[in-house]
Amino acid sequence: HIPQGPVCTNLGLKPGQRLTVKGKIAPNAKSFVMNLGKDATLLGLHFNPRFDAHGDVNTIVCNSKKVEEWGAEHRETVFPFQKGGTAEITFGVNQNDVTVHLPGHQFTFPNRLNLSVFDYFDTQGDFTLQSLSWE
């Protein structure tokens, strides 16, 4: 059972805006997830840092989901997270992709669903949300 954190709807994030997420990672964390999209069925970005899960160790796996259909997995080998530590992640929404800002690293993930607005955000897994801000 994956613990479900807060769910946000009606965020209204449009290109040029950013969402900054801060929180704590569990001391015995295996993985955690942040989803950004239109709603729970249309996820433009499934962001899944894995300490040790599904055969991945210290890898960030990103994907998109359209209803029950997952896209191709995208892997980032830079892994700035520590068990029991804090995390601050900023998602910048652009016209054609989302820029993920991590401590000392950033990468982009394409907006495969061509979402014009990101209304939905949730967190799951070994992560406790402490603050959420957008501009």
N, C-alpha and C. Protein backbone atom coordinates (compact mmCIF):
# COMPACT_ATOMS: atom_id res chain seq x y z
N HIS A 1 0.84 -1.20 0.00
CA HIS A 1 0.00 0.00 0.00
C HIS A 1 0.87 1.24 0.00
N ILE A 2 0.69 2.10 -0.97
CA ILE A 2 1.47 3.34 -1.07
C ILE A 2 0.72 4.46 -0.36
N PRO A 3 1.35 5.09 0.63
CA PRO A 3 0.66 6.19 1.29
C PRO A 3 0.38 7.34 0.33
N GLN A 4 -0.81 7.85 0.41
CA GLN A 4 -1.23 8.94 -0.48
C GLN A 4 -1.14 10.25 0.30
N GLY A 5 -0.45 11.21 -0.28
CA GLY A 5 -0.38 12.53 0.34
C GLY A 5 -1.52 13.40 -0.14
N PRO A 6 -1.42 14.71 0.10
CA PRO A 6 -2.48 15.63 -0.34
C PRO A 6 -2.66 15.61 -1.86
N VAL A 7 -3.87 15.89 -2.27
CA VAL A 7 -4.19 16.00 -3.69
C VAL A 7 -4.66 17.43 -3.95
N CYS A 8 -4.09 18.07 -4.96
CA CYS A 8 -4.51 19.42 -5.33
C CYS A 8 -5.21 19.37 -6.68
N THR A 9 -6.31 20.07 -6.78
CA THR A 9 -6.98 20.22 -8.07
C THR A 9 -7.20 21.72 -8.31
N ASN A 10 -7.50 22.08 -9.54
CA ASN A 10 -7.70 23.49 -9.90
C ASN A 10 -6.48 24.36 -9.66
N LEU A 11 -5.29 23.79 -9.87
CA LEU A 11 -4.06 24.58 -9.71
C LEU A 11 -3.98 25.68 -10.75
N GLY A 12 -4.36 25.36 -11.99
CA GLY A 12 -4.34 26.36 -13.06
C GLY A 12 -2.95 26.77 -13.49
N LEU A 13 -1.99 25.86 -13.43
CA LEU A 13 -0.62 26.19 -13.86
C LEU A 13 -0.55 26.27 -15.38
N LYS A 14 -0.09 27.40 -15.87
CA LYS A 14 0.02 27.59 -17.31
C LYS A 14 1.48 27.82 -17.68
N PRO A 15 1.80 27.74 -18.99
CA PRO A 15 3.18 27.99 -19.42
C PRO A 15 3.71 29.30 -18.84
N GLY A 16 4.94 29.26 -18.34
CA GLY A 16 5.54 30.43 -17.72
C GLY A 16 5.42 30.41 -16.21
N GLN A 17 4.63 29.48 -15.67
CA GLN A 17 4.45 29.41 -14.23
C GLN A 17 5.22 28.22 -13.66
N ARG A 18 5.47 28.29 -12.34
CA ARG A 18 6.25 27.26 -11.67
C ARG A 18 5.53 26.80 -10.41
N LEU A 19 5.74 25.54 -10.09
CA LEU A 19 5.22 24.95 -8.86
C LEU A 19 6.42 24.46 -8.06
N THR A 20 6.54 24.92 -6.81
CA THR A 20 7.65 24.49 -5.97
C THR A 20 7.12 23.64 -4.82
N VAL A 21 7.71 22.46 -4.70
CA VAL A 21 7.26 21.48 -3.71
C VAL A 21 8.38 21.27 -2.70
N LYS A 22 8.05 21.35 -1.41
CA LYS A 22 9.04 21.08 -0.37
C LYS A 22 8.49 20.02 0.57
N GLY A 23 9.38 19.17 1.04
CA GLY A 23 8.92 18.15 1.98
C GLY A 23 10.05 17.31 2.51
N LYS A 24 9.66 16.31 3.31
CA LYS A 24 10.62 15.42 3.94
C LYS A 24 10.52 14.03 3.34
N ILE A 25 11.68 13.42 3.16
CA ILE A 25 11.74 12.04 2.65
C ILE A 25 11.87 11.10 3.85
N ALA A 26 11.11 10.02 3.84
CA ALA A 26 11.13 9.08 4.95
C ALA A 26 12.53 8.48 5.13
N PRO A 27 12.91 8.19 6.39
CA PRO A 27 14.24 7.63 6.66
C PRO A 27 14.47 6.28 5.96
N ASN A 28 13.41 5.52 5.78
CA ASN A 28 13.54 4.19 5.15
C ASN A 28 12.91 4.20 3.76
N ALA A 29 13.00 5.34 3.09
CA ALA A 29 12.29 5.53 1.81
C ALA A 29 12.72 4.51 0.76
N LYS A 30 11.74 3.99 0.04
CA LYS A 30 12.00 3.15 -1.13
C LYS A 30 11.79 3.98 -2.40
N SER A 31 10.69 4.74 -2.42
CA SER A 31 10.43 5.62 -3.56
C SER A 31 9.32 6.59 -3.20
N PHE A 32 9.21 7.65 -3.98
CA PHE A 32 8.05 8.53 -3.86
C PHE A 32 7.67 9.04 -5.23
N VAL A 33 6.47 9.59 -5.32
CA VAL A 33 5.90 9.99 -6.60
C VAL A 33 5.30 11.38 -6.49
N MET A 34 5.47 12.17 -7.53
CA MET A 34 4.70 13.40 -7.69
C MET A 34 4.06 13.35 -9.07
N ASN A 35 2.77 13.59 -9.11
CA ASN A 35 2.03 13.59 -10.38
C ASN A 35 1.55 14.99 -10.67
N LEU A 36 1.70 15.40 -11.93
CA LEU A 36 1.26 16.71 -12.38
C LEU A 36 0.49 16.49 -13.67
N GLY A 37 -0.73 17.02 -13.74
CA GLY A 37 -1.50 16.80 -14.96
C GLY A 37 -2.80 17.54 -14.98
N LYS A 38 -3.73 17.04 -15.80
CA LYS A 38 -5.06 17.65 -15.91
C LYS A 38 -5.95 17.16 -14.79
N ASP A 39 -5.89 15.84 -14.55
CA ASP A 39 -6.63 15.22 -13.45
C ASP A 39 -5.93 13.90 -13.15
N ALA A 40 -6.54 13.06 -12.34
CA ALA A 40 -5.87 11.82 -11.92
C ALA A 40 -5.70 10.83 -13.08
N THR A 41 -6.47 11.01 -14.16
CA THR A 41 -6.38 10.07 -15.28
C THR A 41 -5.46 10.57 -16.40
N LEU A 42 -5.21 11.88 -16.44
CA LEU A 42 -4.34 12.46 -17.47
C LEU A 42 -3.14 13.11 -16.79
N LEU A 43 -2.04 12.37 -16.73
CA LEU A 43 -0.85 12.86 -16.05
C LEU A 43 0.20 13.28 -17.07
N GLY A 44 0.49 14.57 -17.10
CA GLY A 44 1.52 15.06 -18.01
C GLY A 44 2.90 14.68 -17.53
N LEU A 45 3.06 14.61 -16.20
CA LEU A 45 4.35 14.23 -15.64
C LEU A 45 4.14 13.38 -14.39
N HIS A 46 4.63 12.15 -14.45
CA HIS A 46 4.70 11.23 -13.32
C HIS A 46 6.17 11.20 -12.94
N PHE A 47 6.50 11.80 -11.79
CA PHE A 47 7.89 11.98 -11.35
C PHE A 47 8.13 11.02 -10.19
N ASN A 48 9.05 10.06 -10.39
CA ASN A 48 9.18 8.95 -9.43
C ASN A 48 10.64 8.65 -9.08
N PRO A 49 11.17 9.38 -8.08
CA PRO A 49 12.51 9.04 -7.59
C PRO A 49 12.48 7.69 -6.86
N ARG A 50 13.38 6.80 -7.24
CA ARG A 50 13.42 5.46 -6.65
C ARG A 50 14.75 5.23 -5.95
N PHE A 51 14.70 5.07 -4.64
CA PHE A 51 15.91 4.72 -3.89
C PHE A 51 16.23 3.25 -4.14
N ASP A 52 15.18 2.44 -4.09
CA ASP A 52 15.34 1.01 -4.35
C ASP A 52 13.94 0.44 -4.58
N ALA A 53 13.50 0.47 -5.82
CA ALA A 53 12.15 0.02 -6.14
C ALA A 53 12.09 -0.41 -7.60
N HIS A 54 11.34 -1.46 -7.86
CA HIS A 54 11.11 -1.95 -9.24
C HIS A 54 12.43 -2.20 -9.98
N GLY A 55 13.46 -2.61 -9.24
CA GLY A 55 14.73 -2.91 -9.90
C GLY A 55 15.61 -1.69 -10.14
N ASP A 56 15.13 -0.51 -9.78
CA ASP A 56 15.93 0.71 -9.95
C ASP A 56 16.52 1.14 -8.62
N VAL A 57 17.77 1.56 -8.65
CA VAL A 57 18.42 2.08 -7.45
C VAL A 57 18.90 3.50 -7.73
N ASN A 58 18.51 4.43 -6.85
CA ASN A 58 18.92 5.84 -6.98
C ASN A 58 18.75 6.37 -8.40
N THR A 59 17.55 6.19 -8.92
CA THR A 59 17.20 6.63 -10.27
C THR A 59 15.88 7.38 -10.23
N ILE A 60 15.77 8.43 -11.04
CA ILE A 60 14.50 9.13 -11.18
C ILE A 60 13.84 8.63 -12.46
N VAL A 61 12.64 8.11 -12.34
CA VAL A 61 11.89 7.64 -13.50
C VAL A 61 10.73 8.60 -13.73
N CYS A 62 10.61 9.08 -14.96
CA CYS A 62 9.50 9.97 -15.32
C CYS A 62 8.69 9.32 -16.43
N ASN A 63 7.40 9.63 -16.43
CA ASN A 63 6.54 9.08 -17.46
C ASN A 63 5.31 9.97 -17.60
N SER A 64 4.46 9.61 -18.56
CA SER A 64 3.16 10.27 -18.71
C SER A 64 2.12 9.17 -18.73
N LYS A 65 0.88 9.55 -18.43
CA LYS A 65 -0.19 8.55 -18.39
C LYS A 65 -1.46 9.16 -18.96
N LYS A 66 -2.04 8.42 -19.90
CA LYS A 66 -3.30 8.85 -20.50
C LYS A 66 -4.32 7.77 -20.19
N VAL A 67 -5.21 8.07 -19.24
CA VAL A 67 -6.15 7.10 -18.69
C VAL A 67 -5.35 5.91 -18.16
N GLU A 68 -5.43 4.72 -18.75
CA GLU A 68 -4.68 3.60 -18.20
C GLU A 68 -3.41 3.31 -18.99
N GLU A 69 -3.08 4.19 -19.91
CA GLU A 69 -1.99 3.93 -20.83
C GLU A 69 -0.75 4.75 -20.48
N TRP A 70 0.30 4.05 -20.04
CA TRP A 70 1.56 4.73 -19.72
C TRP A 70 2.36 4.95 -21.00
N GLY A 71 3.18 5.99 -21.00
CA GLY A 71 4.08 6.25 -22.12
C GLY A 71 5.40 5.52 -21.92
N ALA A 72 6.42 6.00 -22.59
CA ALA A 72 7.76 5.42 -22.45
C ALA A 72 8.45 6.03 -21.24
N GLU A 73 9.12 5.19 -20.46
CA GLU A 73 9.81 5.68 -19.28
C GLU A 73 11.05 6.48 -19.66
N HIS A 74 11.27 7.54 -18.92
CA HIS A 74 12.44 8.38 -19.11
C HIS A 74 13.23 8.33 -17.80
N ARG A 75 14.51 8.01 -17.88
CA ARG A 75 15.32 7.86 -16.67
C ARG A 75 16.39 8.94 -16.56
N GLU A 76 16.52 9.47 -15.34
CA GLU A 76 17.59 10.42 -15.01
C GLU A 76 18.47 9.74 -13.98
N THR A 77 19.77 9.76 -14.22
CA THR A 77 20.68 9.08 -13.29
C THR A 77 21.18 10.01 -12.19
N VAL A 78 21.00 11.33 -12.38
CA VAL A 78 21.35 12.24 -11.29
C VAL A 78 20.32 12.06 -10.18
N PHE A 79 20.80 11.86 -8.96
CA PHE A 79 19.88 11.54 -7.87
C PHE A 79 20.26 12.34 -6.62
N PRO A 80 19.69 13.56 -6.48
CA PRO A 80 20.11 14.44 -5.39
C PRO A 80 19.34 14.24 -4.08
N PHE A 81 18.68 13.10 -3.93
CA PHE A 81 17.85 12.89 -2.74
C PHE A 81 18.52 11.98 -1.74
N GLN A 82 18.21 12.20 -0.47
CA GLN A 82 18.75 11.35 0.59
C GLN A 82 17.62 10.90 1.50
N LYS A 83 17.68 9.65 1.90
CA LYS A 83 16.70 9.13 2.86
C LYS A 83 16.77 9.95 4.14
N GLY A 84 15.59 10.31 4.64
CA GLY A 84 15.54 11.10 5.86
C GLY A 84 15.85 12.57 5.66
N GLY A 85 16.13 12.95 4.41
CA GLY A 85 16.46 14.35 4.12
C GLY A 85 15.25 15.15 3.68
N THR A 86 15.51 16.38 3.31
CA THR A 86 14.43 17.20 2.77
C THR A 86 14.63 17.32 1.26
N ALA A 87 13.55 17.62 0.58
CA ALA A 87 13.62 17.77 -0.87
C ALA A 87 12.89 19.03 -1.27
N GLU A 88 13.47 19.74 -2.21
CA GLU A 88 12.79 20.88 -2.82
C GLU A 88 12.88 20.71 -4.33
N ILE A 89 11.73 20.63 -4.95
CA ILE A 89 11.65 20.38 -6.39
C ILE A 89 10.75 21.44 -7.00
N THR A 90 11.21 22.05 -8.09
CA THR A 90 10.38 23.03 -8.78
C THR A 90 10.06 22.51 -10.17
N PHE A 91 8.78 22.54 -10.51
CA PHE A 91 8.32 22.15 -11.84
C PHE A 91 7.96 23.42 -12.59
N GLY A 92 8.69 23.69 -13.67
CA GLY A 92 8.39 24.86 -14.49
C GLY A 92 7.62 24.44 -15.72
N VAL A 93 6.45 25.00 -15.90
CA VAL A 93 5.61 24.62 -17.04
C VAL A 93 5.96 25.50 -18.24
N ASN A 94 6.30 24.85 -19.34
CA ASN A 94 6.59 25.55 -20.60
C ASN A 94 5.56 25.13 -21.65
N GLN A 95 5.66 25.73 -22.83
CA GLN A 95 4.71 25.42 -23.90
C GLN A 95 4.73 23.94 -24.28
N ASN A 96 5.93 23.38 -24.42
CA ASN A 96 6.04 22.02 -24.95
C ASN A 96 6.63 21.01 -23.98
N ASP A 97 7.02 21.48 -22.79
CA ASP A 97 7.59 20.54 -21.83
C ASP A 97 7.49 21.10 -20.42
N VAL A 98 7.95 20.30 -19.47
CA VAL A 98 8.03 20.72 -18.08
C VAL A 98 9.50 20.64 -17.68
N THR A 99 10.03 21.72 -17.11
CA THR A 99 11.40 21.70 -16.61
C THR A 99 11.36 21.31 -15.14
N VAL A 100 12.12 20.29 -14.78
CA VAL A 100 12.19 19.84 -13.40
C VAL A 100 13.51 20.36 -12.82
N HIS A 101 13.39 21.22 -11.80
CA HIS A 101 14.57 21.80 -11.15
C HIS A 101 14.83 21.04 -9.86
N LEU A 102 16.00 20.40 -9.80
CA LEU A 102 16.42 19.68 -8.62
C LEU A 102 17.64 20.39 -8.04
N PRO A 103 18.03 20.08 -6.82
CA PRO A 103 19.25 20.70 -6.29
C PRO A 103 20.44 20.40 -7.22
N GLY A 104 20.99 21.43 -7.83
CA GLY A 104 22.18 21.28 -8.66
C GLY A 104 21.97 20.61 -10.01
N HIS A 105 20.73 20.44 -10.41
CA HIS A 105 20.48 19.73 -11.67
C HIS A 105 19.10 20.10 -12.19
N GLN A 106 18.95 20.10 -13.51
CA GLN A 106 17.61 20.25 -14.07
C GLN A 106 17.51 19.46 -15.36
N PHE A 107 16.29 19.07 -15.70
CA PHE A 107 16.05 18.38 -16.96
C PHE A 107 14.63 18.71 -17.41
N THR A 108 14.34 18.43 -18.67
CA THR A 108 12.99 18.68 -19.16
C THR A 108 12.33 17.38 -19.54
N PHE A 109 11.01 17.39 -19.42
CA PHE A 109 10.20 16.24 -19.82
C PHE A 109 9.12 16.75 -20.76
N PRO A 110 8.96 16.13 -21.94
CA PRO A 110 8.03 16.67 -22.93
C PRO A 110 6.57 16.62 -22.46
N ASN A 111 5.81 17.61 -22.89
CA ASN A 111 4.37 17.65 -22.61
C ASN A 111 3.68 16.78 -23.65
N ARG A 112 3.74 15.46 -23.44
CA ARG A 112 3.25 14.51 -24.44
C ARG A 112 1.74 14.59 -24.66
N LEU A 113 1.01 15.03 -23.65
CA LEU A 113 -0.45 15.08 -23.79
C LEU A 113 -0.91 16.45 -24.29
N ASN A 114 0.07 17.32 -24.57
CA ASN A 114 -0.25 18.68 -25.03
C ASN A 114 -1.22 19.40 -24.11
N LEU A 115 -0.99 19.28 -22.81
CA LEU A 115 -1.86 19.96 -21.85
C LEU A 115 -1.57 21.46 -21.89
N SER A 116 -2.63 22.25 -21.94
CA SER A 116 -2.44 23.70 -21.97
C SER A 116 -2.45 24.25 -20.54
N VAL A 117 -2.95 23.48 -19.61
CA VAL A 117 -2.97 23.90 -18.20
C VAL A 117 -2.82 22.65 -17.34
N PHE A 118 -2.05 22.78 -16.27
CA PHE A 118 -1.88 21.69 -15.31
C PHE A 118 -2.70 22.03 -14.06
N ASP A 119 -3.77 21.29 -13.86
CA ASP A 119 -4.68 21.57 -12.75
C ASP A 119 -4.47 20.65 -11.56
N TYR A 120 -3.81 19.53 -11.80
CA TYR A 120 -3.79 18.45 -10.81
C TYR A 120 -2.39 18.18 -10.30
N PHE A 121 -2.26 18.00 -8.99
CA PHE A 121 -0.97 17.61 -8.40
C PHE A 121 -1.24 16.68 -7.23
N ASP A 122 -0.47 15.61 -7.14
CA ASP A 122 -0.52 14.80 -5.93
C ASP A 122 0.85 14.24 -5.59
N THR A 123 0.98 13.78 -4.36
CA THR A 123 2.20 13.09 -3.94
C THR A 123 1.81 11.75 -3.35
N GLN A 124 2.68 10.78 -3.54
CA GLN A 124 2.46 9.44 -3.01
C GLN A 124 3.79 8.88 -2.54
N GLY A 125 3.72 7.88 -1.67
CA GLY A 125 4.93 7.18 -1.27
C GLY A 125 5.62 7.81 -0.07
N ASP A 126 6.93 7.62 -0.02
CA ASP A 126 7.70 7.91 1.18
C ASP A 126 8.14 9.37 1.25
N PHE A 127 7.16 10.26 1.18
CA PHE A 127 7.42 11.69 1.13
C PHE A 127 6.31 12.41 1.88
N THR A 128 6.69 13.33 2.76
CA THR A 128 5.69 14.12 3.48
C THR A 128 5.75 15.56 2.98
N LEU A 129 4.67 16.01 2.38
CA LEU A 129 4.60 17.36 1.82
C LEU A 129 4.58 18.38 2.94
N GLN A 130 5.46 19.37 2.85
CA GLN A 130 5.48 20.42 3.86
C GLN A 130 4.97 21.75 3.30
N SER A 131 5.30 22.05 2.07
CA SER A 131 4.75 23.26 1.48
C SER A 131 4.69 23.18 -0.02
N LEU A 132 3.76 23.94 -0.56
CA LEU A 132 3.50 23.95 -1.99
C LEU A 132 3.31 25.42 -2.35
N SER A 133 4.05 25.90 -3.32
CA SER A 133 3.85 27.29 -3.73
C SER A 133 3.94 27.38 -5.24
N TRP A 134 3.23 28.31 -5.80
CA TRP A 134 3.31 28.48 -7.24
C TRP A 134 3.31 29.95 -7.60
N GLU A 135 3.92 30.24 -8.73
CA GLU A 135 4.00 31.63 -9.20
C GLU A 135 3.91 31.65 -10.71
